[in-house]
Amino acid sequence: MNQPTATKSRRGLWFGLIAIAIALCVAAALYWRWYDKTRMRWVEDVRLPDGRVVTLTRYQEFFGPYTLGDTPTESDYFFEFKHPTMGEIVRWDGKRGLATVALMMRGETPVLLVTPQFAGDFKYDCPDPSYLPFQFENKAWRLVALETIPIKRLRSNMTCSPKSSRNHIQSMRNKVDADEAARSGARFSLADIDFGLMKEQVFGQPGGCDKRPNYLQSPAPPGF
């Protein structure tokens, strides 16, 4: 092989390696851009009804169905926090069918109020009113009767629609204070929930999942 041919061969090899490196960089950039769009982490302060504040570490994925021109809806998520007196880490692993509404305590037992969304109404047999409380006992969450909820009048105190709130959360550098977390619920008609308006929660009524959900507000929010 003569000198010019060898030089051209080396140049071709270098150009090929450079092209591969550029392609890998572009692929990595596209991957992280996709990763950022499908996941979100943030820190959120939550003021409990008794006045104490706990700090939640929150994580949300966006892999749910969506219409053409829109972005994916919420899918799996979790949050965790340190128990305000016992110090243990309390973790909630949530699915797409339940949206967070409010965190509270029954004595020293954490209680989380959620509301069904997407297909969650059908999974939980069309609850009316449309709330479900879970209680943390023996390191596990269990569903309890809505009639036993420890706070009879409350407001949402945590982010309840991460997709709708995503840009706002990111504008605060992924750190949400307790006042802003409470305002999130107010934006989604969860500002004042009055369980004194409830006689008894019922399930599985004919057409129950098709009628407008009862959010126990007086007066009812616009459109209800």
C-alpha atoms as a PDB file:
ATOM      1  CA  MET A   1       0.000   0.000   0.000  1.00  0.00           C
ATOM      2  CA  ASN A   2       1.478   3.361  -0.989  1.00  0.00           C
ATOM      3  CA  GLN A   3       1.634   6.406   1.297  1.00  0.00           C
ATOM      4  CA  PRO A   4      -1.332   8.394  -0.169  1.00  0.00           C
ATOM      5  CA  THR A   5      -3.624   5.361   0.009  1.00  0.00           C
ATOM      6  CA  ALA A   6      -2.686   4.684   3.630  1.00  0.00           C
ATOM      7  CA  THR A   7      -3.265   8.328   4.539  1.00  0.00           C
ATOM      8  CA  LYS A   8      -6.720   8.302   2.919  1.00  0.00           C
ATOM      9  CA  SER A   9      -7.545   5.088   4.781  1.00  0.00           C
ATOM     10  CA  ARG A  10      -6.586   6.628   8.133  1.00  0.00           C
ATOM     11  CA  ARG A  11      -8.585   9.769   7.358  1.00  0.00           C
ATOM     12  CA  GLY A  12     -11.603   7.652   6.457  1.00  0.00           C
ATOM     13  CA  LEU A  13     -11.270   5.766   9.717  1.00  0.00           C
ATOM     14  CA  TRP A  14     -11.067   9.005  11.735  1.00  0.00           C
ATOM     15  CA  PHE A  15     -14.036  10.508   9.915  1.00  0.00           C
ATOM     16  CA  GLY A  16     -15.985   7.328  10.585  1.00  0.00           C
ATOM     17  CA  LEU A  17     -15.112   7.414  14.293  1.00  0.00           C
ATOM     18  CA  ILE A  18     -16.057  11.087  14.513  1.00  0.00           C
ATOM     19  CA  ALA A  19     -19.384  10.403  12.795  1.00  0.00           C
ATOM     20  CA  ILE A  20     -20.111   7.571  15.243  1.00  0.00           C
ATOM     21  CA  ALA A  21     -19.210   9.807  18.200  1.00  0.00           C
ATOM     22  CA  ILE A  22     -21.513  12.569  16.939  1.00  0.00           C
ATOM     23  CA  ALA A  23     -24.335  10.073  16.389  1.00  0.00           C
ATOM     24  CA  LEU A  24     -23.893   8.738  19.934  1.00  0.00           C
ATOM     25  CA  CYS A  25     -23.950  12.268  21.381  1.00  0.00           C
ATOM     26  CA  VAL A  26     -27.124  13.103  19.465  1.00  0.00           C
ATOM     27  CA  ALA A  27     -28.743   9.830  20.541  1.00  0.00           C
ATOM     28  CA  ALA A  28     -27.783  10.496  24.182  1.00  0.00           C
ATOM     29  CA  ALA A  29     -29.184  14.030  24.017  1.00  0.00           C
ATOM     30  CA  LEU A  30     -32.447  12.771  22.528  1.00  0.00           C
ATOM     31  CA  TYR A  31     -32.650  10.028  25.144  1.00  0.00           C
ATOM     32  CA  TRP A  32     -32.228  12.447  28.082  1.00  0.00           C
ATOM     33  CA  ARG A  33     -34.690  14.854  26.509  1.00  0.00           C
ATOM     34  CA  TRP A  34     -37.215  11.989  26.316  1.00  0.00           C
ATOM     35  CA  TYR A  35     -36.302  10.898  29.848  1.00  0.00           C
ATOM     36  CA  ASP A  36     -36.941  14.388  31.219  1.00  0.00           C
ATOM     37  CA  LYS A  37     -40.360  14.510  29.549  1.00  0.00           C
ATOM     38  CA  THR A  38     -41.486  11.157  30.916  1.00  0.00           C
ATOM     39  CA  ARG A  39     -40.378  11.573  34.542  1.00  0.00           C
ATOM     40  CA  MET A  40     -40.337  14.277  37.164  1.00  0.00           C
ATOM     41  CA  ARG A  41     -38.895  14.537  40.667  1.00  0.00           C
ATOM     42  CA  TRP A  42     -39.517  17.329  43.128  1.00  0.00           C
ATOM     43  CA  VAL A  43     -39.589  18.187  46.836  1.00  0.00           C
ATOM     44  CA  GLU A  44     -42.863  19.332  48.372  1.00  0.00           C
ATOM     45  CA  ASP A  45     -43.686  20.687  51.820  1.00  0.00           C
ATOM     46  CA  VAL A  46     -47.116  19.655  53.108  1.00  0.00           C
ATOM     47  CA  ARG A  47     -48.822  21.408  55.994  1.00  0.00           C
ATOM     48  CA  LEU A  48     -50.890  18.854  57.899  1.00  0.00           C
ATOM     49  CA  PRO A  49     -54.279  19.908  59.318  1.00  0.00           C
ATOM     50  CA  ASP A  50     -52.702  19.950  62.810  1.00  0.00           C
ATOM     51  CA  GLY A  51     -50.176  22.585  61.668  1.00  0.00           C
ATOM     52  CA  ARG A  52     -47.080  20.403  61.383  1.00  0.00           C
ATOM     53  CA  VAL A  53     -45.161  20.426  58.105  1.00  0.00           C
ATOM     54  CA  VAL A  54     -43.657  17.328  56.513  1.00  0.00           C
ATOM     55  CA  THR A  55     -41.384  17.314  53.480  1.00  0.00           C
ATOM     56  CA  LEU A  56     -42.238  14.901  50.694  1.00  0.00           C
ATOM     57  CA  THR A  57     -39.847  13.598  48.067  1.00  0.00           C
ATOM     58  CA  ARG A  58     -42.063  13.042  45.035  1.00  0.00           C
ATOM     59  CA  TYR A  59     -41.594  11.148  41.777  1.00  0.00           C
ATOM     60  CA  GLN A  60     -44.023  10.974  38.859  1.00  0.00           C
ATOM     61  CA  GLU A  61     -43.922   9.107  35.538  1.00  0.00           C
ATOM     62  CA  PHE A  62     -45.808  10.131  32.401  1.00  0.00           C
ATOM     63  CA  PHE A  63     -46.566   7.062  30.306  1.00  0.00           C
ATOM     64  CA  GLY A  64     -50.370   7.223  30.310  1.00  0.00           C
ATOM     65  CA  PRO A  65     -52.586   7.356  27.179  1.00  0.00           C
ATOM     66  CA  TYR A  66     -52.993  10.679  25.434  1.00  0.00           C
ATOM     67  CA  THR A  67     -54.640  12.183  22.403  1.00  0.00           C
ATOM     68  CA  LEU A  68     -52.834  13.311  19.261  1.00  0.00           C
ATOM     69  CA  GLY A  69     -51.127  16.633  19.842  1.00  0.00           C
ATOM     70  CA  ASP A  70     -51.107  16.252  23.625  1.00  0.00           C
ATOM     71  CA  THR A  71     -48.477  14.815  25.970  1.00  0.00           C
ATOM     72  CA  PRO A  72     -48.676  11.541  27.955  1.00  0.00           C
ATOM     73  CA  THR A  73     -50.821  11.537  31.085  1.00  0.00           C
ATOM     74  CA  GLU A  74     -49.736  10.500  34.561  1.00  0.00           C
ATOM     75  CA  SER A  75     -48.889   6.854  35.272  1.00  0.00           C
ATOM     76  CA  ASP A  76     -47.038   5.346  38.270  1.00  0.00           C
ATOM     77  CA  TYR A  77     -45.700   7.588  41.023  1.00  0.00           C
ATOM     78  CA  PHE A  78     -44.489   7.580  44.609  1.00  0.00           C
ATOM     79  CA  PHE A  79     -43.756   9.903  47.469  1.00  0.00           C
ATOM     80  CA  GLU A  80     -42.033   9.425  50.801  1.00  0.00           C
ATOM     81  CA  PHE A  81     -41.496  11.457  53.956  1.00  0.00           C
ATOM     82  CA  LYS A  82     -40.100  11.142  57.454  1.00  0.00           C
ATOM     83  CA  HIS A  83     -42.744  10.546  60.120  1.00  0.00           C
ATOM     84  CA  PRO A  84     -42.896  13.795  62.143  1.00  0.00           C
ATOM     85  CA  THR A  85     -42.470  12.092  65.532  1.00  0.00           C
ATOM     86  CA  MET A  86     -41.258   8.525  64.977  1.00  0.00           C
ATOM     87  CA  GLY A  87     -38.701   9.375  62.304  1.00  0.00           C
ATOM     88  CA  GLU A  88     -39.430   6.335  60.130  1.00  0.00           C
ATOM     89  CA  ILE A  89     -39.697   6.743  56.371  1.00  0.00           C
ATOM     90  CA  VAL A  90     -43.287   6.468  55.139  1.00  0.00           C
ATOM     91  CA  ARG A  91     -43.685   5.688  51.455  1.00  0.00           C
ATOM     92  CA  TRP A  92     -46.734   5.630  49.193  1.00  0.00           C
ATOM     93  CA  ASP A  93     -46.434   3.826  45.841  1.00  0.00           C
ATOM     94  CA  GLY A  94     -49.268   5.101  43.687  1.00  0.00           C
ATOM     95  CA  LYS A  95     -50.812   3.945  40.453  1.00  0.00           C
ATOM     96  CA  ARG A  96     -52.369   5.869  37.612  1.00  0.00           C
ATOM     97  CA  GLY A  97     -55.923   5.320  38.869  1.00  0.00           C
ATOM     98  CA  LEU A  98     -55.571   7.311  42.126  1.00  0.00           C
ATOM     99  CA  ALA A  99     -54.693  10.996  42.499  1.00  0.00           C
ATOM    100  CA  THR A 100     -53.404  12.459  45.756  1.00  0.00           C
ATOM    101  CA  VAL A 101     -55.637  14.956  47.576  1.00  0.00           C
ATOM    102  CA  ALA A 102     -54.585  15.427  51.211  1.00  0.00           C
ATOM    103  CA  LEU A 103     -52.227  14.025  53.818  1.00  0.00           C
ATOM    104  CA  MET A 104     -53.232  14.075  57.493  1.00  0.00           C
ATOM    105  CA  MET A 105     -52.711  12.218  60.787  1.00  0.00           C
ATOM    106  CA  ARG A 106     -55.027  10.159  62.968  1.00  0.00           C
ATOM    107  CA  GLY A 107     -53.100  10.539  66.213  1.00  0.00           C
ATOM    108  CA  GLU A 108     -49.675   9.456  64.989  1.00  0.00           C
ATOM    109  CA  THR A 109     -51.018   7.321  62.127  1.00  0.00           C
ATOM    110  CA  PRO A 110     -50.642   8.820  58.621  1.00  0.00           C
ATOM    111  CA  VAL A 111     -53.815   8.952  56.537  1.00  0.00           C
ATOM    112  CA  LEU A 112     -53.779   9.751  52.809  1.00  0.00           C
ATOM    113  CA  LEU A 113     -56.911  10.894  50.999  1.00  0.00           C
ATOM    114  CA  VAL A 114     -57.009  10.128  47.280  1.00  0.00           C
ATOM    115  CA  THR A 115     -59.590  10.429  44.531  1.00  0.00           C
ATOM    116  CA  PRO A 116     -60.064   7.973  41.657  1.00  0.00           C
ATOM    117  CA  GLN A 117     -59.075   9.175  38.207  1.00  0.00           C
ATOM    118  CA  PHE A 118     -58.926   7.676  34.722  1.00  0.00           C
ATOM    119  CA  ALA A 119     -60.068   4.036  35.152  1.00  0.00           C
ATOM    120  CA  GLY A 120     -59.730   4.148  38.938  1.00  0.00           C
ATOM    121  CA  ASP A 121     -63.477   4.727  39.330  1.00  0.00           C
ATOM    122  CA  PHE A 122     -64.210   1.314  37.858  1.00  0.00           C
ATOM    123  CA  LYS A 123     -61.438  -0.434  39.779  1.00  0.00           C
ATOM    124  CA  TYR A 124     -62.794   0.904  43.076  1.00  0.00           C
ATOM    125  CA  ASP A 125     -66.455   0.328  42.147  1.00  0.00           C
ATOM    126  CA  CYS A 126     -67.582   3.897  41.501  1.00  0.00           C
ATOM    127  CA  PRO A 127     -67.321   5.423  45.007  1.00  0.00           C
ATOM    128  CA  ASP A 128     -69.753   8.244  45.775  1.00  0.00           C
ATOM    129  CA  PRO A 129     -68.479  10.578  47.247  1.00  0.00           C
ATOM    130  CA  SER A 130     -65.417  10.207  45.090  1.00  0.00           C
ATOM    131  CA  TYR A 131     -62.762   9.886  47.804  1.00  0.00           C
ATOM    132  CA  LEU A 132     -60.817   6.983  49.307  1.00  0.00           C
ATOM    133  CA  PRO A 133     -58.743   7.204  52.541  1.00  0.00           C
ATOM    134  CA  PHE A 134     -55.743   4.936  53.105  1.00  0.00           C
ATOM    135  CA  GLN A 135     -54.197   4.483  56.548  1.00  0.00           C
ATOM    136  CA  PHE A 136     -50.542   3.555  57.190  1.00  0.00           C
ATOM    137  CA  GLU A 137     -50.288   0.740  59.735  1.00  0.00           C
ATOM    138  CA  ASN A 138     -47.636  -1.926  60.289  1.00  0.00           C
ATOM    139  CA  LYS A 139     -45.550  -0.460  57.445  1.00  0.00           C
ATOM    140  CA  ALA A 140     -48.369  -0.854  54.905  1.00  0.00           C
ATOM    141  CA  TRP A 141     -51.266   1.208  53.588  1.00  0.00           C
ATOM    142  CA  ARG A 142     -54.790  -0.154  53.859  1.00  0.00           C
ATOM    143  CA  LEU A 143     -58.075   1.248  52.617  1.00  0.00           C
ATOM    144  CA  VAL A 144     -60.435   2.366  55.414  1.00  0.00           C
ATOM    145  CA  ALA A 145     -64.024   3.604  55.433  1.00  0.00           C
ATOM    146  CA  LEU A 146     -64.494   7.208  54.381  1.00  0.00           C
ATOM    147  CA  GLU A 147     -66.814   7.731  57.360  1.00  0.00           C
ATOM    148  CA  THR A 148     -63.796   7.275  59.665  1.00  0.00           C
ATOM    149  CA  ILE A 149     -61.747  10.121  58.175  1.00  0.00           C
ATOM    150  CA  PRO A 150     -60.214  12.040  61.114  1.00  0.00           C
ATOM    151  CA  ILE A 151     -60.736  15.555  59.687  1.00  0.00           C
ATOM    152  CA  LYS A 152     -64.313  16.403  58.746  1.00  0.00           C
ATOM    153  CA  ARG A 153     -63.564  19.630  56.920  1.00  0.00           C
ATOM    154  CA  LEU A 154     -60.296  20.036  55.086  1.00  0.00           C
ATOM    155  CA  ARG A 155     -58.488  21.395  52.072  1.00  0.00           C
ATOM    156  CA  SER A 156     -56.180  19.654  49.672  1.00  0.00           C
ATOM    157  CA  ASN A 157     -52.646  20.234  50.949  1.00  0.00           C
ATOM    158  CA  MET A 158     -50.570  18.595  48.216  1.00  0.00           C
ATOM    159  CA  THR A 159     -50.099  18.642  44.463  1.00  0.00           C
ATOM    160  CA  CYS A 160     -52.972  16.686  42.961  1.00  0.00           C
ATOM    161  CA  SER A 161     -52.362  17.023  39.200  1.00  0.00           C
ATOM    162  CA  PRO A 162     -48.638  16.755  38.410  1.00  0.00           C
ATOM    163  CA  LYS A 163     -49.156  17.012  34.652  1.00  0.00           C
ATOM    164  CA  SER A 164     -51.088  20.277  34.892  1.00  0.00           C
ATOM    165  CA  SER A 165     -48.697  21.615  37.539  1.00  0.00           C
ATOM    166  CA  ARG A 166     -45.484  20.426  35.900  1.00  0.00           C
ATOM    167  CA  ASN A 167     -44.361  23.687  34.294  1.00  0.00           C
ATOM    168  CA  HIS A 168     -45.198  25.597  37.468  1.00  0.00           C
ATOM    169  CA  ILE A 169     -43.232  23.140  39.621  1.00  0.00           C
ATOM    170  CA  GLN A 170     -40.238  23.355  37.311  1.00  0.00           C
ATOM    171  CA  SER A 171     -40.403  27.164  37.369  1.00  0.00           C
ATOM    172  CA  MET A 172     -39.845  26.893  41.148  1.00  0.00           C
ATOM    173  CA  ARG A 173     -36.811  24.675  40.536  1.00  0.00           C
ATOM    174  CA  ASN A 174     -38.697  21.592  41.685  1.00  0.00           C
ATOM    175  CA  LYS A 175     -39.194  22.870  45.249  1.00  0.00           C
ATOM    176  CA  VAL A 176     -42.820  23.454  46.311  1.00  0.00           C
ATOM    177  CA  ASP A 177     -43.554  25.140  49.627  1.00  0.00           C
ATOM    178  CA  ALA A 178     -46.596  24.303  51.757  1.00  0.00           C
ATOM    179  CA  ASP A 179     -48.634  27.315  50.645  1.00  0.00           C
ATOM    180  CA  GLU A 180     -48.080  26.555  46.983  1.00  0.00           C
ATOM    181  CA  ALA A 181     -48.941  22.878  47.513  1.00  0.00           C
ATOM    182  CA  ALA A 182     -52.257  23.937  49.067  1.00  0.00           C
ATOM    183  CA  ARG A 183     -52.960  26.307  46.182  1.00  0.00           C
ATOM    184  CA  SER A 184     -52.582  23.380  43.784  1.00  0.00           C
ATOM    185  CA  GLY A 185     -55.693  21.753  45.237  1.00  0.00           C
ATOM    186  CA  ALA A 186     -57.626  25.006  45.034  1.00  0.00           C
ATOM    187  CA  ARG A 187     -56.878  25.223  41.320  1.00  0.00           C
ATOM    188  CA  PHE A 188     -58.560  21.845  40.840  1.00  0.00           C
ATOM    189  CA  SER A 189     -61.746  22.483  42.868  1.00  0.00           C
ATOM    190  CA  LEU A 190     -60.424  20.794  45.999  1.00  0.00           C
ATOM    191  CA  ALA A 191     -60.162  23.917  48.179  1.00  0.00           C
ATOM    192  CA  ASP A 192     -62.859  23.082  50.733  1.00  0.00           C
ATOM    193  CA  ILE A 193     -64.032  19.524  51.328  1.00  0.00           C
ATOM    194  CA  ASP A 194     -66.847  19.145  53.840  1.00  0.00           C
ATOM    195  CA  PHE A 195     -67.431  15.576  54.990  1.00  0.00           C
ATOM    196  CA  GLY A 196     -70.307  16.877  57.082  1.00  0.00           C
ATOM    197  CA  LEU A 197     -72.280  16.905  53.819  1.00  0.00           C
ATOM    198  CA  MET A 198     -71.893  13.133  53.492  1.00  0.00           C
ATOM    199  CA  LYS A 199     -74.478  10.714  54.821  1.00  0.00           C
ATOM    200  CA  GLU A 200     -72.906   7.461  53.679  1.00  0.00           C
ATOM    201  CA  GLN A 201     -70.465   6.528  50.971  1.00  0.00           C
ATOM    202  CA  VAL A 202     -71.948   4.112  48.454  1.00  0.00           C
ATOM    203  CA  PHE A 203     -70.398   1.935  45.767  1.00  0.00           C
ATOM    204  CA  GLY A 204     -71.568   0.340  42.554  1.00  0.00           C
ATOM    205  CA  GLN A 205     -74.689   2.388  41.943  1.00  0.00           C
ATOM    206  CA  PRO A 206     -76.200   1.960  38.466  1.00  0.00           C
ATOM    207  CA  GLY A 207     -74.561   4.576  36.293  1.00  0.00           C
ATOM    208  CA  GLY A 208     -72.434   5.681  39.239  1.00  0.00           C
ATOM    209  CA  CYS A 209     -69.245   6.089  37.253  1.00  0.00           C
ATOM    210  CA  ASP A 210     -71.025   8.079  34.558  1.00  0.00           C
ATOM    211  CA  LYS A 211     -72.502  10.791  36.732  1.00  0.00           C
ATOM    212  CA  ARG A 212     -70.580  13.811  37.928  1.00  0.00           C
ATOM    213  CA  PRO A 213     -68.408  12.973  40.957  1.00  0.00           C
ATOM    214  CA  ASN A 214     -69.448  14.294  44.347  1.00  0.00           C
ATOM    215  CA  TYR A 215     -66.595  16.324  45.824  1.00  0.00           C
ATOM    216  CA  LEU A 216     -68.514  17.324  48.994  1.00  0.00           C
ATOM    217  CA  GLN A 217     -68.248  21.040  48.475  1.00  0.00           C
ATOM    218  CA  SER A 218     -70.768  23.694  49.445  1.00  0.00           C
ATOM    219  CA  PRO A 219     -71.424  25.590  47.343  1.00  0.00           C
ATOM    220  CA  ALA A 220     -70.514  23.249  44.507  1.00  0.00           C
ATOM    221  CA  PRO A 221     -67.703  24.456  42.196  1.00  0.00           C
ATOM    222  CA  PRO A 222     -68.688  25.939  38.801  1.00  0.00           C
ATOM    223  CA  GLY A 223     -69.973  23.288  36.405  1.00  0.00           C
ATOM    224  CA  PHE A 224     -71.260  20.909  39.103  1.00  0.00           C
END
